[in-house]
Amino acid sequence: MMTEFPKCPRCKEFTILPLSDFGGDSGGSVQYKAWICMDQKCGWTLRIDKGTISFTTTRKTNGI
């Protein structure tokens, strides 16, 4: 089964990919805890941390 993911809301060209956290000693797993744009130059991210949603729309400048 193939899943289609949405386009990046910032660059509107690349797909955003979900990242999951499989927990550790302090908690359970969280499916789709963060989303990132496939284009490293775009730099768009969204993260859910303890119920708080944060996102970044700035481009990376450190070459990563």
PDB file of N, CA and C in Angstrom:
ATOM      1  N   MET A   1       0.844  -1.173   0.000  1.00  0.00           N
ATOM      2  CA  MET A   1       0.000   0.000   0.000  1.00  0.00           C
ATOM      3  C   MET A   1       0.894   1.242   0.000  1.00  0.00           C
ATOM      4  N   MET A   2       0.665   2.136  -0.912  1.00  0.00           N
ATOM      5  CA  MET A   2       1.436   3.361  -1.018  1.00  0.00           C
ATOM      6  C   MET A   2       0.599   4.521  -0.488  1.00  0.00           C
ATOM      7  N   THR A   3       1.220   5.347   0.315  1.00  0.00           N
ATOM      8  CA  THR A   3       0.546   6.503   0.889  1.00  0.00           C
ATOM      9  C   THR A   3       1.086   7.767   0.251  1.00  0.00           C
ATOM     10  N   GLU A   4       0.206   8.664  -0.130  1.00  0.00           N
ATOM     11  CA  GLU A   4       0.624   9.950  -0.667  1.00  0.00           C
ATOM     12  C   GLU A   4       0.627  10.971   0.457  1.00  0.00           C
ATOM     13  N   PHE A   5       1.703  11.728   0.540  1.00  0.00           N
ATOM     14  CA  PHE A   5       1.817  12.768   1.551  1.00  0.00           C
ATOM     15  C   PHE A   5       1.649  14.135   0.893  1.00  0.00           C
ATOM     16  N   PRO A   6       1.258  15.144   1.664  1.00  0.00           N
ATOM     17  CA  PRO A   6       0.974  16.464   1.079  1.00  0.00           C
ATOM     18  C   PRO A   6       2.233  17.194   0.632  1.00  0.00           C
ATOM     19  N   LYS A   7       2.020  18.184  -0.218  1.00  0.00           N
ATOM     20  CA  LYS A   7       3.100  19.073  -0.643  1.00  0.00           C
ATOM     21  C   LYS A   7       3.447  20.024   0.496  1.00  0.00           C
ATOM     22  N   CYS A   8       4.666  20.503   0.482  1.00  0.00           N
ATOM     23  CA  CYS A   8       5.143  21.434   1.504  1.00  0.00           C
ATOM     24  C   CYS A   8       4.369  22.749   1.403  1.00  0.00           C
ATOM     25  N   PRO A   9       3.860  23.261   2.524  1.00  0.00           N
ATOM     26  CA  PRO A   9       3.117  24.513   2.480  1.00  0.00           C
ATOM     27  C   PRO A   9       4.020  25.724   2.226  1.00  0.00           C
ATOM     28  N   ARG A  10       5.321  25.555   2.378  1.00  0.00           N
ATOM     29  CA  ARG A  10       6.240  26.674   2.152  1.00  0.00           C
ATOM     30  C   ARG A  10       6.715  26.740   0.710  1.00  0.00           C
ATOM     31  N   CYS A  11       7.372  25.677   0.230  1.00  0.00           N
ATOM     32  CA  CYS A  11       7.934  25.711  -1.123  1.00  0.00           C
ATOM     33  C   CYS A  11       6.924  25.258  -2.173  1.00  0.00           C
ATOM     34  N   LYS A  12       5.903  24.521  -1.756  1.00  0.00           N
ATOM     35  CA  LYS A  12       4.830  24.027  -2.624  1.00  0.00           C
ATOM     36  C   LYS A  12       5.339  23.158  -3.775  1.00  0.00           C
ATOM     37  N   GLU A  13       6.566  22.682  -3.675  1.00  0.00           N
ATOM     38  CA  GLU A  13       7.139  21.867  -4.737  1.00  0.00           C
ATOM     39  C   GLU A  13       7.426  20.441  -4.264  1.00  0.00           C
ATOM     40  N   PHE A  14       7.991  20.322  -3.074  1.00  0.00           N
ATOM     41  CA  PHE A  14       8.391  19.021  -2.559  1.00  0.00           C
ATOM     42  C   PHE A  14       7.352  18.475  -1.587  1.00  0.00           C
ATOM     43  N   THR A  15       7.419  17.186  -1.328  1.00  0.00           N
ATOM     44  CA  THR A  15       6.526  16.512  -0.398  1.00  0.00           C
ATOM     45  C   THR A  15       7.045  16.668   1.023  1.00  0.00           C
ATOM     46  N   ILE A  16       6.113  16.733   1.993  1.00  0.00           N
ATOM     47  CA  ILE A  16       6.538  16.688   3.391  1.00  0.00           C
ATOM     48  C   ILE A  16       6.417  15.253   3.885  1.00  0.00           C
ATOM     49  N   LEU A  17       7.379  14.846   4.697  1.00  0.00           N
ATOM     50  CA  LEU A  17       7.441  13.476   5.189  1.00  0.00           C
ATOM     51  C   LEU A  17       7.233  13.427   6.692  1.00  0.00           C
ATOM     52  N   PRO A  18       6.470  12.441   7.172  1.00  0.00           N
ATOM     53  CA  PRO A  18       6.251  12.309   8.609  1.00  0.00           C
ATOM     54  C   PRO A  18       7.411  11.565   9.272  1.00  0.00           C
ATOM     55  N   LEU A  19       7.696  11.953  10.500  1.00  0.00           N
ATOM     56  CA  LEU A  19       8.676  11.260  11.332  1.00  0.00           C
ATOM     57  C   LEU A  19       7.966  10.803  12.595  1.00  0.00           C
ATOM     58  N   SER A  20       8.279   9.621  13.045  1.00  0.00           N
ATOM     59  CA  SER A  20       7.645   9.068  14.246  1.00  0.00           C
ATOM     60  C   SER A  20       8.662   8.920  15.357  1.00  0.00           C
ATOM     61  N   ASP A  21       8.173   8.932  16.594  1.00  0.00           N
ATOM     62  CA  ASP A  21       9.007   8.741  17.771  1.00  0.00           C
ATOM     63  C   ASP A  21       8.544   7.435  18.410  1.00  0.00           C
ATOM     64  N   PHE A  22       9.436   6.473  18.491  1.00  0.00           N
ATOM     65  CA  PHE A  22       9.054   5.172  19.020  1.00  0.00           C
ATOM     66  C   PHE A  22       9.256   5.066  20.520  1.00  0.00           C
ATOM     67  N   GLY A  23       9.341   6.214  21.178  1.00  0.00           N
ATOM     68  CA  GLY A  23       9.409   6.228  22.633  1.00  0.00           C
ATOM     69  C   GLY A  23      10.750   5.773  23.155  1.00  0.00           C
ATOM     70  N   GLY A  24      10.826   5.722  24.431  1.00  0.00           N
ATOM     71  CA  GLY A  24      12.038   5.285  25.101  1.00  0.00           C
ATOM     72  C   GLY A  24      11.666   4.918  26.517  1.00  0.00           C
ATOM     73  N   ASP A  25      12.548   5.197  27.429  1.00  0.00           N
ATOM     74  CA  ASP A  25      12.288   4.895  28.829  1.00  0.00           C
ATOM     75  C   ASP A  25      11.180   5.755  29.425  1.00  0.00           C
ATOM     76  N   SER A  26      10.971   6.948  28.855  1.00  0.00           N
ATOM     77  CA  SER A  26      10.050   7.890  29.485  1.00  0.00           C
ATOM     78  C   SER A  26       8.674   7.982  28.835  1.00  0.00           C
ATOM     79  N   GLY A  27       8.401   7.231  27.772  1.00  0.00           N
ATOM     80  CA  GLY A  27       7.088   7.364  27.176  1.00  0.00           C
ATOM     81  C   GLY A  27       6.839   6.392  26.040  1.00  0.00           C
ATOM     82  N   GLY A  28       5.615   6.451  25.551  1.00  0.00           N
ATOM     83  CA  GLY A  28       5.215   5.562  24.473  1.00  0.00           C
ATOM     84  C   GLY A  28       5.496   6.157  23.116  1.00  0.00           C
ATOM     85  N   SER A  29       5.177   5.415  22.094  1.00  0.00           N
ATOM     86  CA  SER A  29       5.445   5.865  20.729  1.00  0.00           C
ATOM     87  C   SER A  29       4.402   6.889  20.274  1.00  0.00           C
ATOM     88  N   VAL A  30       4.833   7.766  19.389  1.00  0.00           N
ATOM     89  CA  VAL A  30       3.960   8.782  18.802  1.00  0.00           C
ATOM     90  C   VAL A  30       4.138   8.712  17.292  1.00  0.00           C
ATOM     91  N   GLN A  31       3.062   8.361  16.586  1.00  0.00           N
ATOM     92  CA  GLN A  31       3.139   8.298  15.138  1.00  0.00           C
ATOM     93  C   GLN A  31       2.983   9.706  14.578  1.00  0.00           C
ATOM     94  N   TYR A  32       3.823  10.058  13.632  1.00  0.00           N
ATOM     95  CA  TYR A  32       3.803  11.362  12.977  1.00  0.00           C
ATOM     96  C   TYR A  32       4.018  12.501  13.970  1.00  0.00           C
ATOM     97  N   LYS A  33       5.062  12.404  14.759  1.00  0.00           N
ATOM     98  CA  LYS A  33       5.399  13.432  15.750  1.00  0.00           C
ATOM     99  C   LYS A  33       5.947  14.690  15.086  1.00  0.00           C
ATOM    100  N   ALA A  34       6.581  14.528  13.934  1.00  0.00           N
ATOM    101  CA  ALA A  34       7.159  15.666  13.233  1.00  0.00           C
ATOM    102  C   ALA A  34       6.989  15.470  11.729  1.00  0.00           C
ATOM    103  N   TRP A  35       7.014  16.583  11.001  1.00  0.00           N
ATOM    104  CA  TRP A  35       6.962  16.567   9.546  1.00  0.00           C
ATOM    105  C   TRP A  35       8.088  17.441   9.025  1.00  0.00           C
ATOM    106  N   ILE A  36       8.732  17.010   7.924  1.00  0.00           N
ATOM    107  CA  ILE A  36       9.802  17.800   7.329  1.00  0.00           C
ATOM    108  C   ILE A  36       9.624  17.835   5.819  1.00  0.00           C
ATOM    109  N   CYS A  37      10.081  18.917   5.206  1.00  0.00           N
ATOM    110  CA  CYS A  37      10.084  19.012   3.752  1.00  0.00           C
ATOM    111  C   CYS A  37      11.248  18.188   3.217  1.00  0.00           C
ATOM    112  N   MET A  38      11.018  17.467   2.125  1.00  0.00           N
ATOM    113  CA  MET A  38      12.072  16.659   1.523  1.00  0.00           C
ATOM    114  C   MET A  38      13.238  17.505   1.014  1.00  0.00           C
ATOM    115  N   ASP A  39      12.985  18.762   0.689  1.00  0.00           N
ATOM    116  CA  ASP A  39      14.027  19.647   0.180  1.00  0.00           C
ATOM    117  C   ASP A  39      14.757  20.293   1.359  1.00  0.00           C
ATOM    118  N   GLN A  40      15.995  19.914   1.550  1.00  0.00           N
ATOM    119  CA  GLN A  40      16.767  20.457   2.678  1.00  0.00           C
ATOM    120  C   GLN A  40      16.945  21.965   2.573  1.00  0.00           C
ATOM    121  N   LYS A  41      16.935  22.506   1.369  1.00  0.00           N
ATOM    122  CA  LYS A  41      17.087  23.955   1.204  1.00  0.00           C
ATOM    123  C   LYS A  41      15.857  24.711   1.688  1.00  0.00           C
ATOM    124  N   CYS A  42      14.705  24.072   1.662  1.00  0.00           N
ATOM    125  CA  CYS A  42      13.463  24.711   2.099  1.00  0.00           C
ATOM    126  C   CYS A  42      13.472  24.938   3.611  1.00  0.00           C
ATOM    127  N   GLY A  43      13.746  23.893   4.368  1.00  0.00           N
ATOM    128  CA  GLY A  43      13.857  24.021   5.812  1.00  0.00           C
ATOM    129  C   GLY A  43      12.556  24.002   6.598  1.00  0.00           C
ATOM    130  N   TRP A  44      11.417  23.726   5.961  1.00  0.00           N
ATOM    131  CA  TRP A  44      10.135  23.720   6.682  1.00  0.00           C
ATOM    132  C   TRP A  44      10.036  22.485   7.563  1.00  0.00           C
ATOM    133  N   THR A  45       9.657  22.693   8.825  1.00  0.00           N
ATOM    134  CA  THR A  45       9.433  21.587   9.758  1.00  0.00           C
ATOM    135  C   THR A  45       8.223  21.878  10.632  1.00  0.00           C
ATOM    136  N   LEU A  46       7.591  20.832  11.114  1.00  0.00           N
ATOM    137  CA  LEU A  46       6.508  20.924  12.089  1.00  0.00           C
ATOM    138  C   LEU A  46       6.759  19.838  13.117  1.00  0.00           C
ATOM    139  N   ARG A  47       6.622  20.187  14.406  1.00  0.00           N
ATOM    140  CA  ARG A  47       6.906  19.231  15.471  1.00  0.00           C
ATOM    141  C   ARG A  47       5.842  19.342  16.561  1.00  0.00           C
ATOM    142  N   ILE A  48       5.456  18.197  17.102  1.00  0.00           N
ATOM    143  CA  ILE A  48       4.524  18.144  18.234  1.00  0.00           C
ATOM    144  C   ILE A  48       5.301  17.615  19.428  1.00  0.00           C
ATOM    145  N   ASP A  49       5.369  18.416  20.489  1.00  0.00           N
ATOM    146  CA  ASP A  49       6.130  18.044  21.673  1.00  0.00           C
ATOM    147  C   ASP A  49       5.315  18.348  22.925  1.00  0.00           C
ATOM    148  N   LYS A  50       4.863  17.310  23.594  1.00  0.00           N
ATOM    149  CA  LYS A  50       4.042  17.438  24.807  1.00  0.00           C
ATOM    150  C   LYS A  50       2.813  18.320  24.580  1.00  0.00           C
ATOM    151  N   GLY A  51       2.175  18.143  23.430  1.00  0.00           N
ATOM    152  CA  GLY A  51       0.961  18.879  23.112  1.00  0.00           C
ATOM    153  C   GLY A  51       1.191  20.252  22.502  1.00  0.00           C
ATOM    154  N   THR A  52       2.430  20.690  22.401  1.00  0.00           N
ATOM    155  CA  THR A  52       2.754  21.984  21.809  1.00  0.00           C
ATOM    156  C   THR A  52       3.206  21.773  20.362  1.00  0.00           C
ATOM    157  N   ILE A  53       2.612  22.530  19.454  1.00  0.00           N
ATOM    158  CA  ILE A  53       2.973  22.438  18.051  1.00  0.00           C
ATOM    159  C   ILE A  53       3.884  23.601  17.695  1.00  0.00           C
ATOM    160  N   SER A  54       5.035  23.293  17.102  1.00  0.00           N
ATOM    161  CA  SER A  54       5.945  24.346  16.657  1.00  0.00           C
ATOM    162  C   SER A  54       6.351  24.061  15.219  1.00  0.00           C
ATOM    163  N   PHE A  55       6.610  25.128  14.471  1.00  0.00           N
ATOM    164  CA  PHE A  55       7.057  24.924  13.097  1.00  0.00           C
ATOM    165  C   PHE A  55       8.090  25.973  12.733  1.00  0.00           C
ATOM    166  N   THR A  56       8.879  25.642  11.730  1.00  0.00           N
ATOM    167  CA  THR A  56       9.941  26.507  11.252  1.00  0.00           C
ATOM    168  C   THR A  56       9.735  26.738   9.766  1.00  0.00           C
ATOM    169  N   THR A  57       9.903  27.965   9.333  1.00  0.00           N
ATOM    170  CA  THR A  57       9.774  28.256   7.909  1.00  0.00           C
ATOM    171  C   THR A  57      11.032  28.916   7.359  1.00  0.00           C
ATOM    172  N   THR A  58      12.102  28.916   8.125  1.00  0.00           N
ATOM    173  CA  THR A  58      13.330  29.550   7.663  1.00  0.00           C
ATOM    174  C   THR A  58      14.226  28.542   6.970  1.00  0.00           C
ATOM    175  N   ARG A  59      14.990  29.026   6.029  1.00  0.00           N
ATOM    176  CA  ARG A  59      15.943  28.167   5.331  1.00  0.00           C
ATOM    177  C   ARG A  59      17.148  27.904   6.215  1.00  0.00           C
ATOM    178  N   LYS A  60      17.695  26.724   6.067  1.00  0.00           N
ATOM    179  CA  LYS A  60      18.920  26.359   6.781  1.00  0.00           C
ATOM    180  C   LYS A  60      20.095  27.083   6.139  1.00  0.00           C
ATOM    181  N   THR A  61      20.988  27.608   6.966  1.00  0.00           N
ATOM    182  CA  THR A  61      22.142  28.312   6.423  1.00  0.00           C
ATOM    183  C   THR A  61      23.451  27.628   6.747  1.00  0.00           C
ATOM    184  N   ASN A  62      23.400  26.501   7.466  1.00  0.00           N
ATOM    185  CA  ASN A  62      24.632  25.827   7.856  1.00  0.00           C
ATOM    186  C   ASN A  62      25.033  24.703   6.911  1.00  0.00           C
ATOM    187  N   GLY A  63      24.384  24.618   5.762  1.00  0.00           N
ATOM    188  CA  GLY A  63      24.766  23.633   4.755  1.00  0.00           C
ATOM    189  C   GLY A  63      24.194  22.252   4.952  1.00  0.00           C
ATOM    190  N   ILE A  64      23.337  22.073   5.922  1.00  0.00           N
ATOM    191  CA  ILE A  64      22.737  20.756   6.166  1.00  0.00           C
ATOM    192  C   ILE A  64      21.510  20.601   5.302  1.00  0.00           C
TER     193      ILE A  64
END
